[in-house]
């Protein structure tokens, strides 16, 4: 199951830089994860400073 970024996202970009699949992109109000590309590795969640990323 792919990870998702919640409303707590502070737009720091840490997750985007860490994603090995380049599944994360900047949205209008927060970063978003493309569920079709995400391999559920959890690398993004590990670096999120506000714990805004969780499993869907």
PDB file of N, CA and C in Angstrom:
ATOM      1  N   UNK A   1       0.855  -1.181   0.000  1.00  0.00           N
ATOM      2  CA  UNK A   1       0.000   0.000   0.000  1.00  0.00           C
ATOM      3  C   UNK A   1       0.902   1.244   0.000  1.00  0.00           C
ATOM      4  N   UNK A   2       0.684   2.159  -0.896  1.00  0.00           N
ATOM      5  CA  UNK A   2       1.533   3.360  -0.967  1.00  0.00           C
ATOM      6  C   UNK A   2       1.375   4.265   0.248  1.00  0.00           C
ATOM      7  N   UNK A   3       2.379   5.066   0.490  1.00  0.00           N
ATOM      8  CA  UNK A   3       2.325   6.045   1.565  1.00  0.00           C
ATOM      9  C   UNK A   3       1.569   7.286   1.083  1.00  0.00           C
ATOM     10  N   UNK A   4       1.070   8.063   2.024  1.00  0.00           N
ATOM     11  CA  UNK A   4       0.381   9.315   1.715  1.00  0.00           C
ATOM     12  C   UNK A   4       0.936  10.416   2.609  1.00  0.00           C
ATOM     13  N   UNK A   5       0.861  11.640   2.125  1.00  0.00           N
ATOM     14  CA  UNK A   5       1.316  12.797   2.885  1.00  0.00           C
ATOM     15  C   UNK A   5       0.091  13.539   3.399  1.00  0.00           C
ATOM     16  N   UNK A   6       0.045  13.745   4.705  1.00  0.00           N
ATOM     17  CA  UNK A   6      -1.104  14.381   5.336  1.00  0.00           C
ATOM     18  C   UNK A   6      -1.013  15.893   5.374  1.00  0.00           C
ATOM     19  N   UNK A   7      -2.029  16.493   5.964  1.00  0.00           N
ATOM     20  CA  UNK A   7      -2.152  17.948   6.035  1.00  0.00           C
ATOM     21  C   UNK A   7      -1.072  18.609   6.889  1.00  0.00           C
ATOM     22  N   UNK A   8      -0.332  17.830   7.674  1.00  0.00           N
ATOM     23  CA  UNK A   8       0.721  18.391   8.515  1.00  0.00           C
ATOM     24  C   UNK A   8       1.967  18.759   7.723  1.00  0.00           C
ATOM     25  N   UNK A   9       1.995  18.446   6.438  1.00  0.00           N
ATOM     26  CA  UNK A   9       3.152  18.720   5.580  1.00  0.00           C
ATOM     27  C   UNK A   9       3.531  20.200   5.649  1.00  0.00           C
ATOM     28  N   UNK A  10       4.833  20.457   5.871  1.00  0.00           N
ATOM     29  CA  UNK A  10       5.320  21.836   5.962  1.00  0.00           C
ATOM     30  C   UNK A  10       6.085  22.251   4.701  1.00  0.00           C
ATOM     31  N   UNK A  11       5.987  21.453   3.637  1.00  0.00           N
ATOM     32  CA  UNK A  11       6.595  21.768   2.338  1.00  0.00           C
ATOM     33  C   UNK A  11       8.120  21.923   2.422  1.00  0.00           C
ATOM     34  N   UNK A  12       8.783  21.121   3.248  1.00  0.00           N
ATOM     35  CA  UNK A  12      10.236  21.250   3.398  1.00  0.00           C
ATOM     36  C   UNK A  12      10.999  20.570   2.263  1.00  0.00           C
ATOM     37  N   UNK A  13      10.389  19.562   1.618  1.00  0.00           N
ATOM     38  CA  UNK A  13      11.033  18.891   0.498  1.00  0.00           C
ATOM     39  C   UNK A  13      11.922  17.720   0.862  1.00  0.00           C
ATOM     40  N   UNK A  14      12.052  17.416   2.139  1.00  0.00           N
ATOM     41  CA  UNK A  14      12.897  16.295   2.565  1.00  0.00           C
ATOM     42  C   UNK A  14      12.470  14.985   1.929  1.00  0.00           C
ATOM     43  N   UNK A  15      11.187  14.761   1.861  1.00  0.00           N
ATOM     44  CA  UNK A  15      10.662  13.507   1.324  1.00  0.00           C
ATOM     45  C   UNK A  15      10.954  13.368  -0.170  1.00  0.00           C
ATOM     46  N   UNK A  16      10.802  14.449  -0.899  1.00  0.00           N
ATOM     47  CA  UNK A  16      11.020  14.413  -2.350  1.00  0.00           C
ATOM     48  C   UNK A  16      12.460  14.021  -2.662  1.00  0.00           C
ATOM     49  N   UNK A  17      13.395  14.572  -1.919  1.00  0.00           N
ATOM     50  CA  UNK A  17      14.812  14.281  -2.150  1.00  0.00           C
ATOM     51  C   UNK A  17      15.167  12.848  -1.794  1.00  0.00           C
ATOM     52  N   UNK A  18      14.435  12.238  -0.872  1.00  0.00           N
ATOM     53  CA  UNK A  18      14.750  10.899  -0.386  1.00  0.00           C
ATOM     54  C   UNK A  18      14.124   9.784  -1.215  1.00  0.00           C
ATOM     55  N   UNK A  19      13.075  10.066  -1.958  1.00  0.00           N
ATOM     56  CA  UNK A  19      12.340   9.024  -2.686  1.00  0.00           C
ATOM     57  C   UNK A  19      13.167   8.431  -3.831  1.00  0.00           C
ATOM     58  N   UNK A  20      13.445   7.119  -3.777  1.00  0.00           N
ATOM     59  CA  UNK A  20      14.249   6.485  -4.834  1.00  0.00           C
ATOM     60  C   UNK A  20      13.494   6.325  -6.156  1.00  0.00           C
ATOM     61  N   UNK A  21      12.183   6.443  -6.111  1.00  0.00           N
ATOM     62  CA  UNK A  21      11.354   6.248  -7.306  1.00  0.00           C
ATOM     63  C   UNK A  21      10.892   7.570  -7.924  1.00  0.00           C
ATOM     64  N   UNK A  22      11.247   8.682  -7.308  1.00  0.00           N
ATOM     65  CA  UNK A  22      10.793  10.007  -7.749  1.00  0.00           C
ATOM     66  C   UNK A  22       9.264  10.071  -7.839  1.00  0.00           C
ATOM     67  N   UNK A  23       8.610   9.474  -6.831  1.00  0.00           N
ATOM     68  CA  UNK A  23       7.154   9.422  -6.791  1.00  0.00           C
ATOM     69  C   UNK A  23       6.539  10.632  -6.098  1.00  0.00           C
ATOM     70  N   UNK A  24       7.376  11.492  -5.534  1.00  0.00           N
ATOM     71  CA  UNK A  24       6.876  12.631  -4.755  1.00  0.00           C
ATOM     72  C   UNK A  24       7.096  13.923  -5.532  1.00  0.00           C
ATOM     73  N   UNK A  25       6.054  14.750  -5.559  1.00  0.00           N
ATOM     74  CA  UNK A  25       6.155  16.038  -6.242  1.00  0.00           C
ATOM     75  C   UNK A  25       5.470  17.111  -5.406  1.00  0.00           C
ATOM     76  N   UNK A  26       5.787  18.343  -5.708  1.00  0.00           N
ATOM     77  CA  UNK A  26       5.225  19.465  -4.976  1.00  0.00           C
ATOM     78  C   UNK A  26       3.829  19.770  -5.487  1.00  0.00           C
ATOM     79  N   UNK A  27       2.870  19.776  -4.568  1.00  0.00           N
ATOM     80  CA  UNK A  27       1.505  20.154  -4.907  1.00  0.00           C
ATOM     81  C   UNK A  27       1.268  21.614  -4.570  1.00  0.00           C
ATOM     82  N   UNK A  28       0.021  22.028  -4.586  1.00  0.00           N
ATOM     83  CA  UNK A  28      -0.311  23.419  -4.295  1.00  0.00           C
ATOM     84  C   UNK A  28      -0.079  23.783  -2.829  1.00  0.00           C
ATOM     85  N   UNK A  29      -0.500  22.914  -1.914  1.00  0.00           N
ATOM     86  CA  UNK A  29      -0.397  23.219  -0.492  1.00  0.00           C
ATOM     87  C   UNK A  29       0.482  22.247   0.280  1.00  0.00           C
ATOM     88  N   UNK A  30       0.879  21.138  -0.364  1.00  0.00           N
ATOM     89  CA  UNK A  30       1.727  20.140   0.270  1.00  0.00           C
ATOM     90  C   UNK A  30       2.316  19.237  -0.802  1.00  0.00           C
ATOM     91  N   UNK A  31       3.319  18.463  -0.436  1.00  0.00           N
ATOM     92  CA  UNK A  31       3.863  17.491  -1.372  1.00  0.00           C
ATOM     93  C   UNK A  31       2.886  16.334  -1.506  1.00  0.00           C
ATOM     94  N   UNK A  32       2.909  15.659  -2.646  1.00  0.00           N
ATOM     95  CA  UNK A  32       2.013  14.534  -2.896  1.00  0.00           C
ATOM     96  C   UNK A  32       2.808  13.336  -3.414  1.00  0.00           C
ATOM     97  N   UNK A  33       2.300  12.141  -3.140  1.00  0.00           N
ATOM     98  CA  UNK A  33       2.929  10.907  -3.581  1.00  0.00           C
ATOM     99  C   UNK A  33       2.062  10.268  -4.651  1.00  0.00           C
ATOM    100  N   UNK A  34       2.666   9.923  -5.783  1.00  0.00           N
ATOM    101  CA  UNK A  34       1.951   9.240  -6.862  1.00  0.00           C
ATOM    102  C   UNK A  34       1.827   7.768  -6.464  1.00  0.00           C
ATOM    103  N   UNK A  35       0.610   7.298  -6.168  1.00  0.00           N
ATOM    104  CA  UNK A  35       0.437   5.914  -5.703  1.00  0.00           C
ATOM    105  C   UNK A  35       0.802   4.865  -6.753  1.00  0.00           C
ATOM    106  N   UNK A  36       0.809   5.244  -8.018  1.00  0.00           N
ATOM    107  CA  UNK A  36       1.156   4.291  -9.072  1.00  0.00           C
ATOM    108  C   UNK A  36       2.666   4.084  -9.184  1.00  0.00           C
ATOM    109  N   UNK A  37       3.440   4.984  -8.592  1.00  0.00           N
ATOM    110  CA  UNK A  37       4.900   4.910  -8.665  1.00  0.00           C
ATOM    111  C   UNK A  37       5.502   4.475  -7.327  1.00  0.00           C
ATOM    112  N   UNK A  38       4.858   4.816  -6.232  1.00  0.00           N
ATOM    113  CA  UNK A  38       5.352   4.504  -4.884  1.00  0.00           C
ATOM    114  C   UNK A  38       5.510   2.999  -4.698  1.00  0.00           C
ATOM    115  N   UNK A  39       6.683   2.598  -4.176  1.00  0.00           N
ATOM    116  CA  UNK A  39       6.936   1.172  -3.915  1.00  0.00           C
ATOM    117  C   UNK A  39       6.828   0.846  -2.429  1.00  0.00           C
ATOM    118  N   UNK A  40       6.327   1.770  -1.631  1.00  0.00           N
ATOM    119  CA  UNK A  40       6.084   1.563  -0.205  1.00  0.00           C
ATOM    120  C   UNK A  40       7.357   1.233   0.570  1.00  0.00           C
ATOM    121  N   UNK A  41       8.462   1.895   0.226  1.00  0.00           N
ATOM    122  CA  UNK A  41       9.724   1.620   0.912  1.00  0.00           C
ATOM    123  C   UNK A  41       9.818   2.322   2.261  1.00  0.00           C
ATOM    124  N   UNK A  42       9.082   3.425   2.434  1.00  0.00           N
ATOM    125  CA  UNK A  42       9.077   4.141   3.700  1.00  0.00           C
ATOM    126  C   UNK A  42      10.216   5.122   3.891  1.00  0.00           C
ATOM    127  N   UNK A  43      11.063   5.291   2.886  1.00  0.00           N
ATOM    128  CA  UNK A  43      12.196   6.215   3.004  1.00  0.00           C
ATOM    129  C   UNK A  43      11.722   7.642   3.271  1.00  0.00           C
ATOM    130  N   UNK A  44      10.636   8.027   2.655  1.00  0.00           N
ATOM    131  CA  UNK A  44      10.105   9.386   2.830  1.00  0.00           C
ATOM    132  C   UNK A  44       9.616   9.607   4.258  1.00  0.00           C
ATOM    133  N   UNK A  45       8.925   8.627   4.798  1.00  0.00           N
ATOM    134  CA  UNK A  45       8.388   8.750   6.155  1.00  0.00           C
ATOM    135  C   UNK A  45       9.505   8.859   7.179  1.00  0.00           C
ATOM    136  N   UNK A  46      10.605   8.190   6.915  1.00  0.00           N
ATOM    137  CA  UNK A  46      11.731   8.192   7.851  1.00  0.00           C
ATOM    138  C   UNK A  46      12.392   9.560   7.976  1.00  0.00           C
ATOM    139  N   UNK A  47      12.313  10.379   6.935  1.00  0.00           N
ATOM    140  CA  UNK A  47      12.976  11.687   6.976  1.00  0.00           C
ATOM    141  C   UNK A  47      12.028  12.863   7.223  1.00  0.00           C
ATOM    142  N   UNK A  48      10.752  12.627   7.261  1.00  0.00           N
ATOM    143  CA  UNK A  48       9.785  13.717   7.470  1.00  0.00           C
ATOM    144  C   UNK A  48       9.917  14.277   8.891  1.00  0.00           C
ATOM    145  N   UNK A  49      10.246  15.568   9.010  1.00  0.00           N
ATOM    146  CA  UNK A  49      10.458  16.140  10.351  1.00  0.00           C
ATOM    147  C   UNK A  49       9.186  16.336  11.176  1.00  0.00           C
ATOM    148  N   UNK A  50       8.022  16.259  10.525  1.00  0.00           N
ATOM    149  CA  UNK A  50       6.771  16.468  11.268  1.00  0.00           C
ATOM    150  C   UNK A  50       5.870  15.231  11.231  1.00  0.00           C
ATOM    151  N   UNK A  51       6.411  14.095  10.800  1.00  0.00           N
ATOM    152  CA  UNK A  51       5.663  12.833  10.746  1.00  0.00           C
ATOM    153  C   UNK A  51       4.349  12.971   9.967  1.00  0.00           C
ATOM    154  N   UNK A  52       4.395  13.663   8.845  1.00  0.00           N
ATOM    155  CA  UNK A  52       3.189  13.881   8.035  1.00  0.00           C
ATOM    156  C   UNK A  52       2.930  12.750   7.056  1.00  0.00           C
ATOM    157  N   UNK A  53       3.842  11.769   6.972  1.00  0.00           N
ATOM    158  CA  UNK A  53       3.706  10.694   5.992  1.00  0.00           C
ATOM    159  C   UNK A  53       3.364   9.390   6.691  1.00  0.00           C
ATOM    160  N   UNK A  54       2.336   8.717   6.160  1.00  0.00           N
ATOM    161  CA  UNK A  54       1.907   7.445   6.735  1.00  0.00           C
ATOM    162  C   UNK A  54       1.464   6.505   5.638  1.00  0.00           C
ATOM    163  N   UNK A  55       1.247   5.245   6.007  1.00  0.00           N
ATOM    164  CA  UNK A  55       0.720   4.287   5.028  1.00  0.00           C
ATOM    165  C   UNK A  55      -0.749   4.591   4.777  1.00  0.00           C
ATOM    166  N   UNK A  56      -1.155   4.455   3.546  1.00  0.00           N
ATOM    167  CA  UNK A  56      -2.544   4.767   3.166  1.00  0.00           C
ATOM    168  C   UNK A  56      -3.518   3.810   3.804  1.00  0.00           C
TER     169      UNK A  56
END
